[in-house]
Amino acid sequence: QVQLVESGGGLVQAGGSLRLSCAASGRTFSNYPMGWFRQAPGKEREFVAAISKYGSSTYYADSVKGRFTISRDNAKNTVYLQMERLRPEDTAIYYCAARRTTAQAMVTSLQNDYWGQGTQVTVSS
């Protein structure tokens, strides 16, 4: 089992920044590719970003490319999502996830093995 707890969400004005954190406990963190997903009201959950086990590879949704940065610190069992130049359409609940296979697989599939409870991000216009 892997337990994931997100933090860092909040209310921010358009153009602002936020940094989300996801702390993991349980099995060896570095065994798992990690990802961030989001779900806006009335919409399906969607992929945001993913990172390989040791951070050598990252993947981003087109909508966030160039604005968001995913990173991880395996010594702290934590994955981060730095969000810059936020837009109202970024408003959503953000979830982190762990997957046994590959980070690339997170780009097209929501079938992850572990999920956090989510953290709300609200961007006002």
C-alpha atoms as a PDB file:
ATOM      1  CA  GLN A   1       0.000   0.000   0.000  1.00  0.00           C
ATOM      2  CA  VAL A   2       1.012   3.581  -0.699  1.00  0.00           C
ATOM      3  CA  GLN A   3      -0.680   6.458   1.059  1.00  0.00           C
ATOM      4  CA  LEU A   4      -0.668   9.825  -0.707  1.00  0.00           C
ATOM      5  CA  VAL A   5      -1.529  13.170   0.873  1.00  0.00           C
ATOM      6  CA  GLU A   6      -1.704  16.349  -1.192  1.00  0.00           C
ATOM      7  CA  SER A   7      -1.285  19.865   0.140  1.00  0.00           C
ATOM      8  CA  GLY A   8      -0.687  23.377  -1.114  1.00  0.00           C
ATOM      9  CA  GLY A   9      -3.952  24.130  -2.840  1.00  0.00           C
ATOM     10  CA  GLY A  10      -5.821  27.381  -2.365  1.00  0.00           C
ATOM     11  CA  LEU A  11      -7.266  30.491  -3.948  1.00  0.00           C
ATOM     12  CA  VAL A  12      -5.067  32.531  -6.260  1.00  0.00           C
ATOM     13  CA  GLN A  13      -5.608  35.284  -8.798  1.00  0.00           C
ATOM     14  CA  ALA A  14      -5.104  34.646 -12.482  1.00  0.00           C
ATOM     15  CA  GLY A  15      -1.437  34.979 -13.348  1.00  0.00           C
ATOM     16  CA  GLY A  16      -0.366  33.837  -9.908  1.00  0.00           C
ATOM     17  CA  SER A  17       1.510  30.743  -8.758  1.00  0.00           C
ATOM     18  CA  LEU A  18       0.998  27.792  -6.452  1.00  0.00           C
ATOM     19  CA  ARG A  19       3.106  24.814  -5.472  1.00  0.00           C
ATOM     20  CA  LEU A  20       1.379  21.551  -4.722  1.00  0.00           C
ATOM     21  CA  SER A  21       3.030  18.812  -2.701  1.00  0.00           C
ATOM     22  CA  CYS A  22       2.180  15.147  -2.398  1.00  0.00           C
ATOM     23  CA  ALA A  23       3.715  13.233   0.486  1.00  0.00           C
ATOM     24  CA  ALA A  24       3.896   9.471   0.173  1.00  0.00           C
ATOM     25  CA  SER A  25       4.182   6.808   2.828  1.00  0.00           C
ATOM     26  CA  GLY A  26       4.117   3.053   2.787  1.00  0.00           C
ATOM     27  CA  ARG A  27       6.090   1.224   0.151  1.00  0.00           C
ATOM     28  CA  THR A  28       9.328   2.507  -1.368  1.00  0.00           C
ATOM     29  CA  PHE A  29       8.506   5.798  -3.028  1.00  0.00           C
ATOM     30  CA  SER A  30      11.231   5.565  -5.641  1.00  0.00           C
ATOM     31  CA  ASN A  31       9.660   2.385  -7.013  1.00  0.00           C
ATOM     32  CA  TYR A  32       6.762   4.363  -8.429  1.00  0.00           C
ATOM     33  CA  PRO A  33       6.318   6.781 -11.263  1.00  0.00           C
ATOM     34  CA  MET A  34       4.140   9.619 -10.007  1.00  0.00           C
ATOM     35  CA  GLY A  35       1.606  11.875 -11.605  1.00  0.00           C
ATOM     36  CA  TRP A  36      -0.768  14.772 -11.103  1.00  0.00           C
ATOM     37  CA  PHE A  37      -4.326  14.782 -12.366  1.00  0.00           C
ATOM     38  CA  ARG A  38      -7.197  17.228 -11.993  1.00  0.00           C
ATOM     39  CA  GLN A  39     -10.957  17.266 -12.117  1.00  0.00           C
ATOM     40  CA  ALA A  40     -12.975  20.408 -12.699  1.00  0.00           C
ATOM     41  CA  PRO A  41     -16.665  20.644 -11.765  1.00  0.00           C
ATOM     42  CA  GLY A  42     -18.800  18.773 -14.265  1.00  0.00           C
ATOM     43  CA  LYS A  43     -15.779  17.415 -16.118  1.00  0.00           C
ATOM     44  CA  GLU A  44     -13.899  14.151 -16.192  1.00  0.00           C
ATOM     45  CA  ARG A  45     -10.602  13.696 -14.405  1.00  0.00           C
ATOM     46  CA  GLU A  46      -7.671  14.469 -16.693  1.00  0.00           C
ATOM     47  CA  PHE A  47      -3.943  14.017 -16.826  1.00  0.00           C
ATOM     48  CA  VAL A  48      -1.760  16.996 -15.908  1.00  0.00           C
ATOM     49  CA  ALA A  49       1.833  15.810 -15.485  1.00  0.00           C
ATOM     50  CA  ALA A  50       3.887  12.708 -14.727  1.00  0.00           C
ATOM     51  CA  ILE A  51       7.438  11.944 -13.690  1.00  0.00           C
ATOM     52  CA  SER A  52       9.481   8.766 -13.851  1.00  0.00           C
ATOM     53  CA  LYS A  53      10.843   6.965 -10.792  1.00  0.00           C
ATOM     54  CA  TYR A  54      14.078   8.957 -10.560  1.00  0.00           C
ATOM     55  CA  GLY A  55      12.899  12.095 -12.331  1.00  0.00           C
ATOM     56  CA  SER A  56      14.726  11.560 -15.604  1.00  0.00           C
ATOM     57  CA  SER A  57      11.560  11.772 -17.692  1.00  0.00           C
ATOM     58  CA  THR A  58       8.592  14.113 -17.387  1.00  0.00           C
ATOM     59  CA  TYR A  59       5.357  14.405 -19.332  1.00  0.00           C
ATOM     60  CA  TYR A  60       2.814  17.210 -19.499  1.00  0.00           C
ATOM     61  CA  ALA A  61      -0.650  17.853 -20.854  1.00  0.00           C
ATOM     62  CA  ASP A  62      -0.584  20.387 -23.672  1.00  0.00           C
ATOM     63  CA  SER A  63      -2.757  22.744 -21.632  1.00  0.00           C
ATOM     64  CA  VAL A  64      -0.103  23.131 -18.919  1.00  0.00           C
ATOM     65  CA  LYS A  65       3.117  22.713 -20.869  1.00  0.00           C
ATOM     66  CA  GLY A  66       5.454  25.635 -20.225  1.00  0.00           C
ATOM     67  CA  ARG A  67       3.499  26.752 -17.139  1.00  0.00           C
ATOM     68  CA  PHE A  68       3.622  23.737 -14.792  1.00  0.00           C
ATOM     69  CA  THR A  69       6.662  21.797 -13.604  1.00  0.00           C
ATOM     70  CA  ILE A  70       6.575  18.398 -11.939  1.00  0.00           C
ATOM     71  CA  SER A  71       9.473  17.288  -9.762  1.00  0.00           C
ATOM     72  CA  ARG A  72      10.185  14.779  -7.013  1.00  0.00           C
ATOM     73  CA  ASP A  73      12.464  14.370  -4.043  1.00  0.00           C
ATOM     74  CA  ASN A  74      12.859  10.670  -3.316  1.00  0.00           C
ATOM     75  CA  ALA A  75      14.712  11.389  -0.081  1.00  0.00           C
ATOM     76  CA  LYS A  76      11.602  13.204   1.181  1.00  0.00           C
ATOM     77  CA  ASN A  77       9.080  10.844  -0.440  1.00  0.00           C
ATOM     78  CA  THR A  78       7.429  13.838  -2.053  1.00  0.00           C
ATOM     79  CA  VAL A  79       6.344  14.883  -5.520  1.00  0.00           C
ATOM     80  CA  TYR A  80       5.669  18.514  -6.393  1.00  0.00           C
ATOM     81  CA  LEU A  81       3.722  20.454  -8.974  1.00  0.00           C
ATOM     82  CA  GLN A  82       4.877  24.029  -9.465  1.00  0.00           C
ATOM     83  CA  MET A  83       2.137  25.963 -11.220  1.00  0.00           C
ATOM     84  CA  GLU A  84       2.871  29.336 -12.825  1.00  0.00           C
ATOM     85  CA  ARG A  85       0.761  31.815 -14.790  1.00  0.00           C
ATOM     86  CA  LEU A  86      -2.407  30.202 -13.521  1.00  0.00           C
ATOM     87  CA  ARG A  87      -5.644  30.643 -15.429  1.00  0.00           C
ATOM     88  CA  PRO A  88      -9.277  30.387 -14.322  1.00  0.00           C
ATOM     89  CA  GLU A  89      -9.555  27.199 -16.380  1.00  0.00           C
ATOM     90  CA  ASP A  90      -6.936  25.600 -14.122  1.00  0.00           C
ATOM     91  CA  THR A  91      -9.527  25.601 -11.333  1.00  0.00           C
ATOM     92  CA  ALA A  92     -10.036  21.996 -10.231  1.00  0.00           C
ATOM     93  CA  ILE A  93      -9.351  19.452  -7.556  1.00  0.00           C
ATOM     94  CA  TYR A  94      -5.793  18.233  -8.063  1.00  0.00           C
ATOM     95  CA  TYR A  95      -4.898  14.633  -7.277  1.00  0.00           C
ATOM     96  CA  CYS A  96      -1.568  12.911  -7.140  1.00  0.00           C
ATOM     97  CA  ALA A  97      -1.251   9.284  -8.116  1.00  0.00           C
ATOM     98  CA  ALA A  98       1.281   6.469  -8.106  1.00  0.00           C
ATOM     99  CA  ARG A  99       1.561   3.791 -10.711  1.00  0.00           C
ATOM    100  CA  ARG A 100       3.483   0.529 -10.800  1.00  0.00           C
ATOM    101  CA  THR A 101       4.287   0.639 -14.504  1.00  0.00           C
ATOM    102  CA  THR A 102       5.549   3.753 -16.305  1.00  0.00           C
ATOM    103  CA  ALA A 103       5.108   7.498 -16.146  1.00  0.00           C
ATOM    104  CA  GLN A 104       4.338   7.540 -19.854  1.00  0.00           C
ATOM    105  CA  ALA A 105       1.349   5.264 -19.240  1.00  0.00           C
ATOM    106  CA  MET A 106      -0.153   7.935 -16.984  1.00  0.00           C
ATOM    107  CA  VAL A 107      -0.501  10.256 -19.983  1.00  0.00           C
ATOM    108  CA  THR A 108      -3.280   8.183 -21.512  1.00  0.00           C
ATOM    109  CA  SER A 109      -4.698   6.134 -18.650  1.00  0.00           C
ATOM    110  CA  LEU A 110      -6.351   6.896 -15.336  1.00  0.00           C
ATOM    111  CA  GLN A 111      -5.812   3.328 -14.149  1.00  0.00           C
ATOM    112  CA  ASN A 112      -3.308   4.247 -11.474  1.00  0.00           C
ATOM    113  CA  ASP A 113      -2.672   2.078  -8.477  1.00  0.00           C
ATOM    114  CA  TYR A 114      -2.893   4.680  -5.726  1.00  0.00           C
ATOM    115  CA  TRP A 115      -4.582   8.066  -5.423  1.00  0.00           C
ATOM    116  CA  GLY A 116      -4.515  10.888  -2.926  1.00  0.00           C
ATOM    117  CA  GLN A 117      -7.632  12.585  -1.602  1.00  0.00           C
ATOM    118  CA  GLY A 118      -7.124  15.742  -3.654  1.00  0.00           C
ATOM    119  CA  THR A 119      -6.509  19.419  -2.988  1.00  0.00           C
ATOM    120  CA  GLN A 120      -8.630  22.273  -4.313  1.00  0.00           C
ATOM    121  CA  VAL A 121      -7.089  24.910  -6.562  1.00  0.00           C
ATOM    122  CA  THR A 122      -9.233  27.927  -7.404  1.00  0.00           C
ATOM    123  CA  VAL A 123      -8.044  30.613  -9.801  1.00  0.00           C
ATOM    124  CA  SER A 124     -10.042  33.807  -9.834  1.00  0.00           C
ATOM    125  CA  SER A 125     -10.237  36.083 -12.862  1.00  0.00           C
END
